[in-house]
Amino acid sequence: MTSQRNETALARRQRLRERQRQQLAAIEAYDKAFAALAAAEEALAIAARDTVMAWGGVGAAATALEIGEGQLRRQLRAADRDEDQEVAT
């Protein structure tokens, strides 16, 4: 009886360890994807700023990119925030 109980407890611990491993893997995958998203957003903001500079204004750049001026301005604000954070650190 004791042997069977020990085996049951061992199996339960193994299932728990496997579940914890899966949970940790899921969190690590999320964190990695979130970091990639942040890097992509930063690159997009910088590209938006460079496009505005190359085209000489928001209107012309928005037309060239085929996006609305509002969307382009949001990306420019993000570029400004990124630049402010770099200066602060």
Protein backbone atom coordinates (compact mmCIF):
# COMPACT_ATOMS: atom_id res chain seq x y z
CA MET A 1 0.00 0.00 0.00
CA THR A 2 2.76 2.41 0.91
CA SER A 3 4.59 1.68 -2.34
CA GLN A 4 1.50 2.52 -4.39
CA ARG A 5 0.94 5.71 -2.39
CA ASN A 6 4.56 6.78 -2.98
CA GLU A 7 4.19 6.14 -6.70
CA THR A 8 1.00 8.19 -6.78
CA ALA A 9 2.68 11.06 -4.96
CA LEU A 10 5.67 10.87 -7.30
CA ALA A 11 3.40 10.92 -10.36
CA ARG A 12 1.54 13.92 -8.96
CA ARG A 13 4.82 15.81 -8.40
CA GLN A 14 5.95 14.99 -11.94
CA ARG A 15 2.68 16.30 -13.41
CA LEU A 16 3.06 19.45 -11.34
CA ARG A 17 6.65 19.98 -12.51
CA GLU A 18 5.58 19.49 -16.13
CA ARG A 19 2.75 21.98 -15.76
CA GLN A 20 5.09 24.51 -14.16
CA ARG A 21 7.59 23.98 -16.99
CA GLN A 22 4.85 24.63 -19.56
CA GLN A 23 3.71 27.75 -17.71
CA LEU A 24 7.25 29.11 -17.53
CA ALA A 25 7.80 28.39 -21.23
CA ALA A 26 4.58 30.24 -22.09
CA ILE A 27 5.60 33.28 -20.03
CA GLU A 28 9.07 33.31 -21.59
CA ALA A 29 7.56 33.12 -25.09
CA TYR A 30 5.23 36.03 -24.28
CA ASP A 31 8.09 38.13 -22.90
CA LYS A 32 10.19 37.43 -25.99
CA ALA A 33 7.33 38.38 -28.32
CA PHE A 34 6.63 41.54 -26.32
CA ALA A 35 10.29 42.59 -26.57
CA ALA A 36 10.20 41.97 -30.34
CA LEU A 37 7.04 44.07 -30.61
CA ALA A 38 8.64 46.94 -28.68
CA ALA A 39 11.70 46.84 -30.93
CA ALA A 40 9.52 46.82 -34.06
CA GLU A 41 7.46 49.76 -32.81
CA GLU A 42 10.65 51.71 -32.11
CA ALA A 43 12.00 50.94 -35.58
CA LEU A 44 8.68 52.01 -37.13
CA ALA A 45 8.71 55.29 -35.23
CA ILE A 46 12.26 56.04 -36.37
CA ALA A 47 11.40 55.17 -39.97
CA ALA A 48 8.36 57.45 -39.79
CA ARG A 49 10.52 60.33 -38.57
CA ASP A 50 13.08 59.70 -41.32
CA THR A 51 10.33 59.58 -43.95
CA VAL A 52 8.89 62.91 -42.84
CA MET A 53 12.36 64.44 -43.00
CA ALA A 54 12.98 62.97 -46.47
CA TRP A 55 9.62 64.10 -47.87
CA GLY A 56 9.72 67.52 -46.22
CA GLY A 57 6.54 67.28 -44.20
CA VAL A 58 3.89 65.12 -42.62
CA GLY A 59 1.37 65.53 -45.43
CA ALA A 60 3.74 64.51 -48.19
CA ALA A 61 5.16 61.63 -46.14
CA ALA A 62 1.68 60.34 -45.26
CA THR A 63 0.72 60.42 -48.94
CA ALA A 64 3.91 58.59 -49.93
CA LEU A 65 3.33 55.94 -47.25
CA GLU A 66 -0.38 55.74 -48.08
CA ILE A 67 -1.41 56.21 -44.45
CA GLY A 68 -3.37 58.92 -42.70
CA GLU A 69 -1.64 61.94 -41.25
CA GLY A 70 -3.02 61.08 -37.82
CA GLN A 71 -1.42 57.67 -37.88
CA LEU A 72 1.89 59.16 -39.00
CA ARG A 73 1.73 61.79 -36.25
CA ARG A 74 1.19 59.03 -33.63
CA GLN A 75 4.31 57.30 -34.91
CA LEU A 76 6.22 60.58 -34.71
CA ARG A 77 5.10 61.07 -31.11
CA ALA A 78 6.35 57.56 -30.36
CA ALA A 79 9.71 58.45 -31.93
CA ASP A 80 9.88 61.56 -29.75
CA ARG A 81 9.10 59.51 -26.63
CA ASP A 82 11.78 56.98 -27.54
CA GLU A 83 14.28 59.79 -28.07
CA ASP A 84 13.34 61.41 -24.74
CA GLN A 85 13.82 58.09 -22.93
CA GLU A 86 17.25 57.60 -24.49
CA VAL A 87 18.33 61.08 -23.38
CA ALA A 88 17.02 60.44 -19.83
CA THR A 89 19.03 57.24 -19.41
